[in-house]
Amino acid sequence: MERRRTDRVQWRRRGGPPRAYIDLRDLGGKQESLIPPGERRATSDPDIAAVLAARRLKEFEAERRGRIILEIRPRAKLADFARLHLIKKARAGRVTDQWLESTEKHLERATAFFGADRNLESISTTIVQEWTAHLQSMSNGRGGTMSDGNVRHHLNSLSNLFRRAQAENHVPP
């Protein structure tokens, strides 16, 4: 019978308050900072650390199961996959240079919001809805906010990226 570790959250102090990390090395992972959304550094709050650790452990185990059952490739990072996606789109020759430039801007905004190192499979519908609200509040450069059509173009660009990721087994269907 496999024993589950309960001491996954570890604390490190480097000049300031102790910061939380999760240790997934016994499962084939690594040590990772427990950084709350919108923050830049690992949390120093034990309650937040416990929630983030439980969420990350659940994601990690789902990723592991997905790779074994669905033969999913290793985790794809948003910025890296977006770059490859644009290269493949350009090589296919089905879109204009202007549309490629627009798509690149859309995916740059997505990368800025979600984070360049964000795993594709960790981007949920809820988070995309938050991004949609963020886009709707962004300035259009003419004194107003981004139009619904422009927001829709951003969502279509992200959706297209995910269709490629599914086709190439980087995320489950």
N, C-alpha and C. Protein backbone atom coordinates (compact mmCIF):
# COMPACT_ATOMS: atom_id res chain seq x y z
N MET A 1 0.84 -1.19 0.00
CA MET A 1 0.00 0.00 0.00
C MET A 1 0.88 1.25 0.00
N GLU A 2 0.57 2.16 -0.90
CA GLU A 2 1.35 3.40 -1.02
C GLU A 2 1.00 4.36 0.11
N ARG A 3 2.03 4.88 0.77
CA ARG A 3 1.82 5.85 1.84
C ARG A 3 1.77 7.25 1.26
N ARG A 4 0.81 8.03 1.68
CA ARG A 4 0.70 9.41 1.22
C ARG A 4 1.45 10.31 2.19
N ARG A 5 2.17 11.26 1.62
CA ARG A 5 2.90 12.20 2.47
C ARG A 5 1.97 13.33 2.88
N THR A 6 2.07 13.71 4.12
CA THR A 6 1.26 14.82 4.62
C THR A 6 2.11 16.07 4.84
N ASP A 7 3.42 15.94 4.71
CA ASP A 7 4.32 17.07 4.96
C ASP A 7 4.82 17.68 3.66
N ARG A 8 3.95 17.86 2.70
CA ARG A 8 4.36 18.39 1.40
C ARG A 8 4.74 19.86 1.46
N VAL A 9 4.06 20.61 2.31
CA VAL A 9 4.35 22.04 2.41
C VAL A 9 5.60 22.23 3.26
N GLN A 10 6.56 22.93 2.67
CA GLN A 10 7.80 23.24 3.38
C GLN A 10 7.96 24.74 3.41
N TRP A 11 8.72 25.22 4.39
CA TRP A 11 8.89 26.66 4.58
C TRP A 11 10.36 27.01 4.47
N ARG A 12 10.64 28.12 3.77
CA ARG A 12 12.00 28.63 3.63
C ARG A 12 12.02 30.10 4.00
N ARG A 13 13.07 30.49 4.69
CA ARG A 13 13.23 31.89 5.05
C ARG A 13 14.49 32.42 4.39
N ARG A 14 14.33 33.49 3.65
CA ARG A 14 15.47 34.15 3.00
C ARG A 14 15.34 35.66 3.20
N GLY A 15 15.65 36.11 4.39
CA GLY A 15 15.64 37.54 4.67
C GLY A 15 14.32 38.08 5.18
N GLY A 16 13.21 37.54 4.78
CA GLY A 16 11.90 38.05 5.19
C GLY A 16 11.15 36.96 5.93
N PRO A 17 9.83 37.00 5.83
CA PRO A 17 9.04 35.95 6.48
C PRO A 17 9.23 34.61 5.77
N PRO A 18 8.98 33.50 6.46
CA PRO A 18 9.10 32.19 5.80
C PRO A 18 8.09 32.08 4.65
N ARG A 19 8.51 31.49 3.55
CA ARG A 19 7.67 31.33 2.37
C ARG A 19 7.40 29.85 2.14
N ALA A 20 6.21 29.54 1.58
CA ALA A 20 5.76 28.16 1.42
C ALA A 20 6.14 27.58 0.06
N TYR A 21 6.50 26.29 0.09
CA TYR A 21 6.84 25.52 -1.10
C TYR A 21 6.17 24.16 -0.97
N ILE A 22 5.91 23.53 -2.11
CA ILE A 22 5.38 22.16 -2.10
C ILE A 22 6.45 21.24 -2.65
N ASP A 23 6.56 20.08 -2.03
CA ASP A 23 7.57 19.09 -2.44
C ASP A 23 6.86 17.92 -3.13
N LEU A 24 7.05 17.81 -4.44
CA LEU A 24 6.43 16.74 -5.23
C LEU A 24 7.48 15.76 -5.76
N ARG A 25 8.68 15.81 -5.19
CA ARG A 25 9.77 14.99 -5.72
C ARG A 25 9.50 13.49 -5.59
N ASP A 26 8.81 13.07 -4.54
CA ASP A 26 8.54 11.64 -4.38
C ASP A 26 7.53 11.13 -5.41
N LEU A 27 6.85 12.04 -6.10
CA LEU A 27 5.89 11.67 -7.13
C LEU A 27 6.45 11.88 -8.55
N GLY A 28 7.71 12.24 -8.62
CA GLY A 28 8.32 12.49 -9.92
C GLY A 28 8.28 13.94 -10.34
N GLY A 29 7.90 14.82 -9.42
CA GLY A 29 7.84 16.24 -9.71
C GLY A 29 9.06 16.95 -9.15
N LYS A 30 8.84 18.16 -8.70
CA LYS A 30 9.93 18.96 -8.14
C LYS A 30 9.37 19.82 -7.01
N GLN A 31 10.23 20.61 -6.40
CA GLN A 31 9.78 21.57 -5.41
C GLN A 31 9.28 22.81 -6.15
N GLU A 32 8.12 23.32 -5.74
CA GLU A 32 7.54 24.46 -6.42
C GLU A 32 7.08 25.48 -5.39
N SER A 33 7.24 26.75 -5.72
CA SER A 33 6.76 27.84 -4.87
C SER A 33 5.23 27.82 -4.87
N LEU A 34 4.63 28.11 -3.74
CA LEU A 34 3.17 28.22 -3.65
C LEU A 34 2.81 29.70 -3.73
N ILE A 35 2.61 30.17 -4.96
CA ILE A 35 2.37 31.59 -5.22
C ILE A 35 0.88 31.80 -5.51
N PRO A 36 0.22 32.62 -4.68
CA PRO A 36 -1.20 32.90 -4.94
C PRO A 36 -1.37 33.71 -6.22
N PRO A 37 -2.52 33.59 -6.89
CA PRO A 37 -2.77 34.38 -8.10
C PRO A 37 -2.63 35.87 -7.81
N GLY A 38 -1.97 36.57 -8.72
CA GLY A 38 -1.77 38.00 -8.56
C GLY A 38 -0.57 38.38 -7.71
N GLU A 39 0.11 37.41 -7.13
CA GLU A 39 1.29 37.66 -6.32
C GLU A 39 2.54 37.27 -7.09
N ARG A 40 3.68 37.74 -6.62
CA ARG A 40 4.95 37.41 -7.27
C ARG A 40 5.80 36.45 -6.45
N ARG A 41 5.51 36.38 -5.16
CA ARG A 41 6.32 35.55 -4.28
C ARG A 41 5.45 34.51 -3.60
N ALA A 42 6.10 33.46 -3.11
CA ALA A 42 5.38 32.40 -2.40
C ALA A 42 4.70 32.99 -1.17
N THR A 43 3.60 32.39 -0.79
CA THR A 43 2.82 32.90 0.33
C THR A 43 3.53 32.65 1.66
N SER A 44 3.21 33.49 2.63
CA SER A 44 3.72 33.29 3.98
C SER A 44 2.56 32.93 4.92
N ASP A 45 1.36 32.79 4.36
CA ASP A 45 0.17 32.45 5.14
C ASP A 45 -0.04 30.93 5.12
N PRO A 46 -0.04 30.26 6.28
CA PRO A 46 -0.20 28.80 6.32
C PRO A 46 -1.53 28.31 5.74
N ASP A 47 -2.61 29.06 5.94
CA ASP A 47 -3.91 28.64 5.42
C ASP A 47 -3.93 28.69 3.89
N ILE A 48 -3.41 29.77 3.33
CA ILE A 48 -3.34 29.90 1.87
C ILE A 48 -2.42 28.83 1.31
N ALA A 49 -1.30 28.57 2.01
CA ALA A 49 -0.35 27.55 1.56
C ALA A 49 -1.02 26.18 1.51
N ALA A 50 -1.85 25.86 2.49
CA ALA A 50 -2.53 24.56 2.52
C ALA A 50 -3.48 24.42 1.33
N VAL A 51 -4.23 25.49 1.03
CA VAL A 51 -5.18 25.46 -0.10
C VAL A 51 -4.42 25.32 -1.42
N LEU A 52 -3.37 26.13 -1.59
CA LEU A 52 -2.59 26.08 -2.83
C LEU A 52 -1.91 24.72 -3.00
N ALA A 53 -1.41 24.15 -1.90
CA ALA A 53 -0.74 22.85 -1.97
C ALA A 53 -1.74 21.76 -2.36
N ALA A 54 -2.93 21.78 -1.78
CA ALA A 54 -3.94 20.78 -2.12
C ALA A 54 -4.34 20.90 -3.59
N ARG A 55 -4.50 22.14 -4.06
CA ARG A 55 -4.87 22.37 -5.46
C ARG A 55 -3.76 21.88 -6.40
N ARG A 56 -2.51 22.21 -6.06
CA ARG A 56 -1.38 21.82 -6.92
C ARG A 56 -1.20 20.31 -6.94
N LEU A 57 -1.38 19.65 -5.77
CA LEU A 57 -1.27 18.20 -5.71
C LEU A 57 -2.35 17.55 -6.57
N LYS A 58 -3.56 18.08 -6.51
CA LYS A 58 -4.67 17.56 -7.33
C LYS A 58 -4.34 17.72 -8.81
N GLU A 59 -3.83 18.91 -9.21
CA GLU A 59 -3.45 19.15 -10.60
C GLU A 59 -2.34 18.20 -11.04
N PHE A 60 -1.35 18.03 -10.16
CA PHE A 60 -0.20 17.19 -10.50
C PHE A 60 -0.64 15.73 -10.72
N GLU A 61 -1.48 15.23 -9.82
CA GLU A 61 -1.95 13.85 -9.96
C GLU A 61 -2.82 13.68 -11.21
N ALA A 62 -3.63 14.70 -11.53
CA ALA A 62 -4.45 14.64 -12.75
C ALA A 62 -3.56 14.65 -13.99
N GLU A 63 -2.50 15.47 -13.95
CA GLU A 63 -1.55 15.51 -15.07
C GLU A 63 -0.90 14.14 -15.25
N ARG A 64 -0.50 13.55 -14.15
CA ARG A 64 0.16 12.25 -14.20
C ARG A 64 -0.78 11.18 -14.77
N ARG A 65 -2.02 11.17 -14.28
CA ARG A 65 -3.01 10.21 -14.79
C ARG A 65 -3.27 10.46 -16.27
N GLY A 66 -3.41 11.73 -16.64
CA GLY A 66 -3.68 12.07 -18.02
C GLY A 66 -2.58 11.61 -18.95
N ARG A 67 -1.34 11.78 -18.53
CA ARG A 67 -0.22 11.35 -19.37
C ARG A 67 -0.21 9.84 -19.55
N ILE A 68 -0.55 9.13 -18.50
CA ILE A 68 -0.53 7.67 -18.57
C ILE A 68 -1.71 7.15 -19.39
N ILE A 69 -2.91 7.63 -19.09
CA ILE A 69 -4.11 7.11 -19.74
C ILE A 69 -4.26 7.65 -21.16
N LEU A 70 -4.09 8.95 -21.35
CA LEU A 70 -4.32 9.57 -22.64
C LEU A 70 -3.05 9.76 -23.46
N GLU A 71 -1.93 9.34 -22.92
CA GLU A 71 -0.63 9.50 -23.57
C GLU A 71 -0.37 10.97 -23.91
N ILE A 72 -0.66 11.83 -22.95
CA ILE A 72 -0.44 13.26 -23.13
C ILE A 72 1.05 13.55 -23.00
N ARG A 73 1.52 14.47 -23.81
CA ARG A 73 2.92 14.88 -23.77
C ARG A 73 3.20 15.69 -22.51
N PRO A 74 4.46 15.93 -22.21
CA PRO A 74 4.79 16.76 -21.04
C PRO A 74 4.14 18.13 -21.13
N ARG A 75 3.97 18.76 -19.97
CA ARG A 75 3.28 20.04 -19.87
C ARG A 75 3.84 21.08 -20.83
N ALA A 76 2.92 21.75 -21.51
CA ALA A 76 3.30 22.82 -22.43
C ALA A 76 3.08 24.15 -21.72
N LYS A 77 4.06 25.01 -21.80
CA LYS A 77 3.97 26.35 -21.22
C LYS A 77 3.32 27.28 -22.25
N LEU A 78 2.51 28.21 -21.76
CA LEU A 78 1.72 29.08 -22.65
C LEU A 78 2.60 29.85 -23.63
N ALA A 79 3.62 30.55 -23.15
CA ALA A 79 4.43 31.39 -24.05
C ALA A 79 5.15 30.54 -25.10
N ASP A 80 5.72 29.41 -24.67
CA ASP A 80 6.44 28.55 -25.62
C ASP A 80 5.50 27.97 -26.66
N PHE A 81 4.34 27.50 -26.21
CA PHE A 81 3.41 26.89 -27.15
C PHE A 81 2.80 27.93 -28.09
N ALA A 82 2.55 29.15 -27.58
CA ALA A 82 2.02 30.22 -28.43
C ALA A 82 3.00 30.54 -29.55
N ARG A 83 4.29 30.59 -29.21
CA ARG A 83 5.31 30.87 -30.23
C ARG A 83 5.30 29.78 -31.30
N LEU A 84 5.28 28.51 -30.87
CA LEU A 84 5.25 27.40 -31.84
C LEU A 84 3.97 27.40 -32.67
N HIS A 85 2.87 27.73 -32.02
CA HIS A 85 1.57 27.79 -32.69
C HIS A 85 1.61 28.84 -33.82
N LEU A 86 2.17 30.01 -33.53
CA LEU A 86 2.25 31.07 -34.55
C LEU A 86 3.17 30.67 -35.70
N ILE A 87 4.26 29.99 -35.38
CA ILE A 87 5.17 29.52 -36.43
C ILE A 87 4.46 28.52 -37.34
N LYS A 88 3.74 27.58 -36.75
CA LYS A 88 3.02 26.57 -37.55
C LYS A 88 1.90 27.21 -38.36
N LYS A 89 1.24 28.22 -37.79
CA LYS A 89 0.19 28.94 -38.51
C LYS A 89 0.78 29.65 -39.73
N ALA A 90 1.94 30.28 -39.54
CA ALA A 90 2.59 31.00 -40.65
C ALA A 90 3.02 30.03 -41.74
N ARG A 91 3.57 28.89 -41.34
CA ARG A 91 4.02 27.89 -42.33
C ARG A 91 2.86 27.32 -43.13
N ALA A 92 1.69 27.20 -42.50
CA ALA A 92 0.53 26.64 -43.19
C ALA A 92 0.07 27.58 -44.31
N GLY A 93 0.31 28.87 -44.15
CA GLY A 93 -0.01 29.84 -45.21
C GLY A 93 -1.49 30.07 -45.42
N ARG A 94 -2.33 29.78 -44.43
CA ARG A 94 -3.77 29.95 -44.60
C ARG A 94 -4.29 31.29 -44.11
N VAL A 95 -3.43 32.08 -43.45
CA VAL A 95 -3.86 33.38 -42.94
C VAL A 95 -2.90 34.46 -43.43
N THR A 96 -3.39 35.68 -43.44
CA THR A 96 -2.55 36.80 -43.90
C THR A 96 -1.55 37.20 -42.83
N ASP A 97 -0.55 37.94 -43.25
CA ASP A 97 0.45 38.44 -42.30
C ASP A 97 -0.20 39.36 -41.27
N GLN A 98 -1.17 40.15 -41.72
CA GLN A 98 -1.87 41.06 -40.81
C GLN A 98 -2.61 40.27 -39.73
N TRP A 99 -3.26 39.18 -40.12
CA TRP A 99 -3.99 38.38 -39.13
C TRP A 99 -3.01 37.68 -38.18
N LEU A 100 -1.87 37.25 -38.70
CA LEU A 100 -0.84 36.65 -37.84
C LEU A 100 -0.36 37.66 -36.80
N GLU A 101 -0.15 38.90 -37.22
CA GLU A 101 0.28 39.94 -36.29
C GLU A 101 -0.79 40.19 -35.22
N SER A 102 -2.06 40.20 -35.63
CA SER A 102 -3.15 40.38 -34.68
C SER A 102 -3.20 39.22 -33.69
N THR A 103 -3.08 38.02 -34.22
CA THR A 103 -3.10 36.83 -33.35
C THR A 103 -1.94 36.87 -32.37
N GLU A 104 -0.78 37.32 -32.84
CA GLU A 104 0.38 37.43 -31.95
C GLU A 104 0.08 38.41 -30.82
N LYS A 105 -0.53 39.54 -31.12
CA LYS A 105 -0.89 40.52 -30.09
C LYS A 105 -1.90 39.92 -29.10
N HIS A 106 -2.88 39.19 -29.63
CA HIS A 106 -3.89 38.57 -28.76
C HIS A 106 -3.21 37.60 -27.79
N LEU A 107 -2.31 36.77 -28.31
CA LEU A 107 -1.65 35.77 -27.47
C LEU A 107 -0.64 36.41 -26.52
N GLU A 108 -0.06 37.56 -26.91
CA GLU A 108 0.82 38.29 -25.99
C GLU A 108 0.01 38.80 -24.81
N ARG A 109 -1.20 39.30 -25.07
CA ARG A 109 -2.06 39.76 -23.98
C ARG A 109 -2.46 38.59 -23.08
N ALA A 110 -2.74 37.45 -23.69
CA ALA A 110 -3.09 36.27 -22.89
C ALA A 110 -1.90 35.85 -22.02
N THR A 111 -0.71 35.87 -22.60
CA THR A 111 0.49 35.48 -21.87
C THR A 111 0.76 36.45 -20.73
N ALA A 112 0.55 37.73 -20.97
CA ALA A 112 0.75 38.72 -19.91
C ALA A 112 -0.24 38.50 -18.76
N PHE A 113 -1.47 38.13 -19.09
CA PHE A 113 -2.48 37.92 -18.05
C PHE A 113 -2.27 36.61 -17.30
N PHE A 114 -2.10 35.51 -18.03
CA PHE A 114 -2.00 34.19 -17.41
C PHE A 114 -0.61 33.88 -16.88
N GLY A 115 0.42 34.48 -17.49
CA GLY A 115 1.79 34.20 -17.11
C GLY A 115 2.46 33.35 -18.18
N ALA A 116 3.67 33.70 -18.55
CA ALA A 116 4.39 33.01 -19.63
C ALA A 116 4.65 31.55 -19.29
N ASP A 117 4.90 31.25 -18.02
CA ASP A 117 5.22 29.87 -17.62
C ASP A 117 3.99 29.07 -17.20
N ARG A 118 2.81 29.59 -17.46
CA ARG A 118 1.58 28.91 -17.08
C ARG A 118 1.39 27.66 -17.93
N ASN A 119 1.10 26.53 -17.30
CA ASN A 119 0.82 25.29 -18.03
C ASN A 119 -0.53 25.43 -18.72
N LEU A 120 -0.60 24.99 -19.96
CA LEU A 120 -1.85 25.11 -20.72
C LEU A 120 -3.01 24.43 -20.02
N GLU A 121 -2.77 23.23 -19.46
CA GLU A 121 -3.88 22.49 -18.87
C GLU A 121 -4.38 23.12 -17.58
N SER A 122 -3.66 24.10 -17.03
CA SER A 122 -4.12 24.76 -15.81
C SER A 122 -5.00 25.98 -16.11
N ILE A 123 -5.20 26.29 -17.37
CA ILE A 123 -6.05 27.43 -17.74
C ILE A 123 -7.48 26.92 -17.87
N SER A 124 -8.29 27.28 -16.89
CA SER A 124 -9.67 26.79 -16.82
C SER A 124 -10.64 27.80 -17.41
N THR A 125 -11.88 27.38 -17.56
CA THR A 125 -12.93 28.26 -18.07
C THR A 125 -13.10 29.47 -17.17
N THR A 126 -13.04 29.27 -15.86
CA THR A 126 -13.19 30.36 -14.90
C THR A 126 -12.11 31.41 -15.11
N ILE A 127 -10.88 30.97 -15.31
CA ILE A 127 -9.78 31.90 -15.50
C ILE A 127 -9.92 32.65 -16.83
N VAL A 128 -10.42 31.95 -17.86
CA VAL A 128 -10.65 32.61 -19.15
C VAL A 128 -11.75 33.66 -19.01
N GLN A 129 -12.75 33.39 -18.18
CA GLN A 129 -13.81 34.38 -17.94
C GLN A 129 -13.24 35.62 -17.24
N GLU A 130 -12.28 35.41 -16.32
CA GLU A 130 -11.62 36.53 -15.66
C GLU A 130 -10.83 37.35 -16.70
N TRP A 131 -10.17 36.64 -17.63
CA TRP A 131 -9.42 37.33 -18.68
C TRP A 131 -10.37 38.13 -19.57
N THR A 132 -11.53 37.56 -19.87
CA THR A 132 -12.53 38.26 -20.69
C THR A 132 -12.95 39.56 -20.02
N ALA A 133 -13.22 39.49 -18.72
CA ALA A 133 -13.60 40.71 -17.98
C ALA A 133 -12.45 41.72 -18.01
N HIS A 134 -11.23 41.23 -17.88
CA HIS A 134 -10.05 42.11 -17.93
C HIS A 134 -9.96 42.79 -19.30
N LEU A 135 -10.16 42.02 -20.37
CA LEU A 135 -10.10 42.58 -21.72
C LEU A 135 -11.18 43.64 -21.91
N GLN A 136 -12.38 43.37 -21.41
CA GLN A 136 -13.49 44.31 -21.57
C GLN A 136 -13.24 45.63 -20.86
N SER A 137 -12.36 45.62 -19.87
CA SER A 137 -12.05 46.85 -19.14
C SER A 137 -10.81 47.57 -19.69
N MET A 138 -10.12 46.94 -20.65
CA MET A 138 -8.90 47.53 -21.20
C MET A 138 -9.23 48.71 -22.13
N SER A 139 -8.33 49.67 -22.14
CA SER A 139 -8.50 50.85 -23.01
C SER A 139 -8.31 50.45 -24.46
N ASN A 140 -9.09 51.08 -25.31
CA ASN A 140 -8.95 50.83 -26.75
C ASN A 140 -8.04 51.85 -27.42
N GLY A 141 -7.51 52.79 -26.63
CA GLY A 141 -6.62 53.82 -27.18
C GLY A 141 -7.35 55.02 -27.74
N ARG A 142 -8.68 54.99 -27.70
CA ARG A 142 -9.48 56.10 -28.21
C ARG A 142 -10.41 56.66 -27.14
N GLY A 143 -10.07 56.43 -25.90
CA GLY A 143 -10.87 56.95 -24.79
C GLY A 143 -11.97 56.01 -24.32
N GLY A 144 -12.13 54.88 -24.95
CA GLY A 144 -13.15 53.91 -24.55
C GLY A 144 -12.50 52.61 -24.11
N THR A 145 -13.32 51.56 -24.08
CA THR A 145 -12.80 50.23 -23.73
C THR A 145 -12.89 49.32 -24.95
N MET A 146 -12.24 48.19 -24.84
CA MET A 146 -12.18 47.24 -25.94
C MET A 146 -13.60 46.78 -26.33
N SER A 147 -13.88 46.71 -27.61
CA SER A 147 -15.21 46.32 -28.09
C SER A 147 -15.43 44.82 -27.88
N ASP A 148 -16.70 44.44 -27.90
CA ASP A 148 -17.04 43.02 -27.76
C ASP A 148 -16.43 42.20 -28.90
N GLY A 149 -16.41 42.77 -30.10
CA GLY A 149 -15.83 42.07 -31.25
C GLY A 149 -14.34 41.82 -31.06
N ASN A 150 -13.64 42.82 -30.55
CA ASN A 150 -12.21 42.68 -30.32
C ASN A 150 -11.94 41.64 -29.23
N VAL A 151 -12.75 41.66 -28.16
CA VAL A 151 -12.62 40.66 -27.10
C VAL A 151 -12.84 39.27 -27.69
N ARG A 152 -13.83 39.17 -28.58
CA ARG A 152 -14.13 37.88 -29.22
C ARG A 152 -12.94 37.40 -30.06
N HIS A 153 -12.27 38.30 -30.77
CA HIS A 153 -11.08 37.93 -31.53
C HIS A 153 -10.00 37.35 -30.61
N HIS A 154 -9.82 37.96 -29.44
CA HIS A 154 -8.84 37.45 -28.47
C HIS A 154 -9.21 36.04 -28.02
N LEU A 155 -10.49 35.85 -27.72
CA LEU A 155 -10.94 34.52 -27.28
C LEU A 155 -10.79 33.49 -28.40
N ASN A 156 -11.08 33.89 -29.63
CA ASN A 156 -10.92 32.96 -30.76
C ASN A 156 -9.46 32.58 -30.95
N SER A 157 -8.54 33.52 -30.78
CA SER A 157 -7.11 33.22 -30.92
C SER A 157 -6.68 32.21 -29.85
N LEU A 158 -7.15 32.41 -28.62
CA LEU A 158 -6.80 31.47 -27.54
C LEU A 158 -7.44 30.11 -27.80
N SER A 159 -8.68 30.11 -28.26
CA SER A 159 -9.37 28.86 -28.57
C SER A 159 -8.65 28.08 -29.67
N ASN A 160 -8.19 28.80 -30.68
CA ASN A 160 -7.46 28.17 -31.77
C ASN A 160 -6.16 27.54 -31.27
N LEU A 161 -5.48 28.24 -30.36
CA LEU A 161 -4.25 27.69 -29.76
C LEU A 161 -4.57 26.39 -29.02
N PHE A 162 -5.68 26.37 -28.28
CA PHE A 162 -6.06 25.17 -27.53
C PHE A 162 -6.47 24.02 -28.45
N ARG A 163 -7.09 24.33 -29.58
CA ARG A 163 -7.42 23.27 -30.53
C ARG A 163 -6.15 22.58 -31.02
N ARG A 164 -5.12 23.37 -31.31
CA ARG A 164 -3.84 22.78 -31.73
C ARG A 164 -3.23 21.96 -30.58
N ALA A 165 -3.29 22.50 -29.36
CA ALA A 165 -2.73 21.79 -28.20
C ALA A 165 -3.44 20.45 -28.00
N GLN A 166 -4.75 20.41 -28.20
CA GLN A 166 -5.49 19.14 -28.09
C GLN A 166 -5.10 18.20 -29.21
N ALA A 167 -5.01 18.71 -30.41
CA ALA A 167 -4.65 17.87 -31.57
C ALA A 167 -3.26 17.26 -31.41
N GLU A 168 -2.37 17.99 -30.75
CA GLU A 168 -1.01 17.50 -30.56
C GLU A 168 -0.80 16.83 -29.20
N ASN A 169 -1.91 16.54 -28.49
CA ASN A 169 -1.89 15.82 -27.21
C ASN A 169 -1.12 16.54 -26.12
N HIS A 170 -1.17 17.86 -26.11
CA HIS A 170 -0.55 18.61 -25.01
C HIS A 170 -1.55 18.84 -23.88
N VAL A 171 -2.83 18.82 -24.20
CA VAL A 171 -3.90 18.92 -23.20
C VAL A 171 -4.96 17.88 -23.55
N PRO A 172 -5.71 17.41 -22.54
CA PRO A 172 -6.76 16.44 -22.83
C PRO A 172 -7.91 17.11 -23.58
N PRO A 173 -8.69 16.32 -24.32
CA PRO A 173 -9.82 16.90 -25.05
C PRO A 173 -10.87 17.49 -24.12
